[in-house]
Amino acid sequence: MKKKTSLSEEDQELFRQLMVGTRKIKQDTIVHRPLRKKITEVPTRRLIQ
């Protein structure tokens, strides 16, 4: 279910015109951490012990 209200084409165009000269700041960008690799094999040193 979307709770966002969709903007009209006119409102979207107005927003784009207002944002023309701006630049992104660090807070605007979300970087997701890479997933950790699950170790499924037991290393050979552990098997020997």
N, C-alpha and C. Protein backbone atom coordinates (compact mmCIF):
# COMPACT_ATOMS: atom_id res chain seq x y z
N MET A 1 0.84 -1.19 0.00
CA MET A 1 0.00 0.00 0.00
C MET A 1 0.88 1.25 0.00
N LYS A 2 0.64 2.11 -0.94
CA LYS A 2 1.37 3.37 -1.01
C LYS A 2 0.66 4.42 -0.18
N LYS A 3 1.42 5.09 0.65
CA LYS A 3 0.85 6.20 1.41
C LYS A 3 1.28 7.53 0.82
N LYS A 4 2.21 7.47 -0.15
CA LYS A 4 2.67 8.70 -0.78
C LYS A 4 1.58 9.25 -1.68
N THR A 5 1.40 10.54 -1.62
CA THR A 5 0.46 11.17 -2.54
C THR A 5 1.22 11.52 -3.81
N SER A 6 0.73 11.07 -4.93
CA SER A 6 1.45 11.35 -6.17
C SER A 6 1.19 12.80 -6.59
N LEU A 7 2.25 13.44 -7.06
CA LEU A 7 2.15 14.83 -7.49
C LEU A 7 1.66 14.89 -8.93
N SER A 8 1.00 15.96 -9.24
CA SER A 8 0.55 16.15 -10.61
C SER A 8 1.76 16.47 -11.48
N GLU A 9 1.61 16.33 -12.78
CA GLU A 9 2.70 16.63 -13.72
C GLU A 9 3.17 18.07 -13.57
N GLU A 10 2.23 18.97 -13.34
CA GLU A 10 2.56 20.39 -13.18
C GLU A 10 3.44 20.61 -11.94
N ASP A 11 3.07 19.95 -10.84
CA ASP A 11 3.84 20.07 -9.60
C ASP A 11 5.24 19.47 -9.76
N GLN A 12 5.33 18.34 -10.44
CA GLN A 12 6.63 17.71 -10.67
C GLN A 12 7.53 18.61 -11.50
N GLU A 13 6.99 19.22 -12.53
CA GLU A 13 7.77 20.12 -13.38
C GLU A 13 8.23 21.34 -12.60
N LEU A 14 7.36 21.89 -11.76
CA LEU A 14 7.72 23.03 -10.92
C LEU A 14 8.86 22.67 -9.98
N PHE A 15 8.78 21.50 -9.37
CA PHE A 15 9.83 21.04 -8.46
C PHE A 15 11.17 20.91 -9.20
N ARG A 16 11.14 20.33 -10.38
CA ARG A 16 12.38 20.16 -11.16
C ARG A 16 12.98 21.51 -11.54
N GLN A 17 12.13 22.47 -11.87
CA GLN A 17 12.62 23.80 -12.22
C GLN A 17 13.28 24.47 -11.01
N LEU A 18 12.70 24.27 -9.83
CA LEU A 18 13.26 24.88 -8.63
C LEU A 18 14.58 24.24 -8.22
N MET A 19 14.76 22.96 -8.53
CA MET A 19 15.94 22.22 -8.10
C MET A 19 17.08 22.24 -9.12
N VAL A 20 16.97 23.02 -10.20
CA VAL A 20 17.95 23.00 -11.27
C VAL A 20 19.35 23.35 -10.79
N GLY A 21 19.53 24.39 -10.00
CA GLY A 21 20.87 24.84 -9.62
C GLY A 21 21.44 24.18 -8.38
N THR A 22 20.73 23.26 -7.79
CA THR A 22 21.18 22.67 -6.52
C THR A 22 22.09 21.48 -6.76
N ARG A 23 22.83 21.11 -5.73
CA ARG A 23 23.67 19.91 -5.82
C ARG A 23 23.36 19.01 -4.63
N LYS A 24 23.64 17.73 -4.79
CA LYS A 24 23.37 16.78 -3.72
C LYS A 24 24.36 16.99 -2.58
N ILE A 25 23.89 16.78 -1.37
CA ILE A 25 24.79 16.79 -0.23
C ILE A 25 24.91 15.35 0.29
N LYS A 26 25.89 15.14 1.15
CA LYS A 26 26.18 13.79 1.61
C LYS A 26 24.96 13.15 2.28
N GLN A 27 24.17 13.92 2.99
CA GLN A 27 23.02 13.39 3.71
C GLN A 27 21.91 12.91 2.77
N ASP A 28 21.91 13.39 1.53
CA ASP A 28 20.86 13.01 0.59
C ASP A 28 21.04 11.61 0.02
N THR A 29 22.24 11.06 0.15
CA THR A 29 22.55 9.79 -0.47
C THR A 29 22.59 8.69 0.58
N ILE A 30 21.82 7.63 0.36
CA ILE A 30 21.81 6.49 1.26
C ILE A 30 22.63 5.38 0.62
N VAL A 31 23.65 4.93 1.33
CA VAL A 31 24.49 3.85 0.82
C VAL A 31 24.24 2.63 1.68
N HIS A 32 23.82 1.55 1.06
CA HIS A 32 23.56 0.32 1.80
C HIS A 32 24.85 -0.47 1.95
N ARG A 33 25.06 -1.02 3.13
CA ARG A 33 26.24 -1.84 3.37
C ARG A 33 26.15 -3.11 2.55
N PRO A 34 27.26 -3.59 2.04
CA PRO A 34 27.22 -4.87 1.33
C PRO A 34 26.92 -6.00 2.30
N LEU A 35 26.21 -7.01 1.83
CA LEU A 35 25.87 -8.13 2.69
C LEU A 35 27.12 -8.93 3.02
N ARG A 36 27.18 -9.41 4.25
CA ARG A 36 28.33 -10.22 4.65
C ARG A 36 28.21 -11.61 4.04
N LYS A 37 29.34 -12.16 3.67
CA LYS A 37 29.34 -13.51 3.12
C LYS A 37 29.21 -14.50 4.27
N LYS A 38 28.31 -15.46 4.10
CA LYS A 38 28.17 -16.50 5.10
C LYS A 38 29.21 -17.57 4.82
N ILE A 39 29.90 -17.96 5.86
CA ILE A 39 30.93 -18.99 5.70
C ILE A 39 30.25 -20.34 5.90
N THR A 40 30.15 -21.10 4.84
CA THR A 40 29.49 -22.40 4.94
C THR A 40 30.52 -23.52 5.09
N GLU A 41 31.73 -23.31 4.59
CA GLU A 41 32.77 -24.32 4.71
C GLU A 41 33.59 -24.07 5.97
N VAL A 42 33.98 -25.16 6.63
CA VAL A 42 34.87 -25.03 7.77
C VAL A 42 36.29 -25.02 7.21
N PRO A 43 37.09 -24.05 7.62
CA PRO A 43 38.46 -24.01 7.11
C PRO A 43 39.22 -25.30 7.42
N THR A 44 40.17 -25.64 6.57
CA THR A 44 40.90 -26.91 6.72
C THR A 44 41.69 -26.96 8.02
N ARG A 45 42.19 -25.86 8.50
CA ARG A 45 42.95 -25.85 9.75
C ARG A 45 42.07 -26.29 10.91
N ARG A 46 40.83 -25.90 10.92
CA ARG A 46 39.91 -26.30 11.99
C ARG A 46 39.61 -27.79 11.90
N LEU A 47 39.51 -28.30 10.70
CA LEU A 47 39.24 -29.72 10.54
C LEU A 47 40.39 -30.57 11.06
N ILE A 48 41.61 -30.10 10.85
CA ILE A 48 42.79 -30.84 11.30
C ILE A 48 42.85 -30.88 12.82
N GLN A 49 42.48 -29.79 13.46
CA GLN A 49 42.53 -29.73 14.93
C GLN A 49 41.45 -30.62 15.48
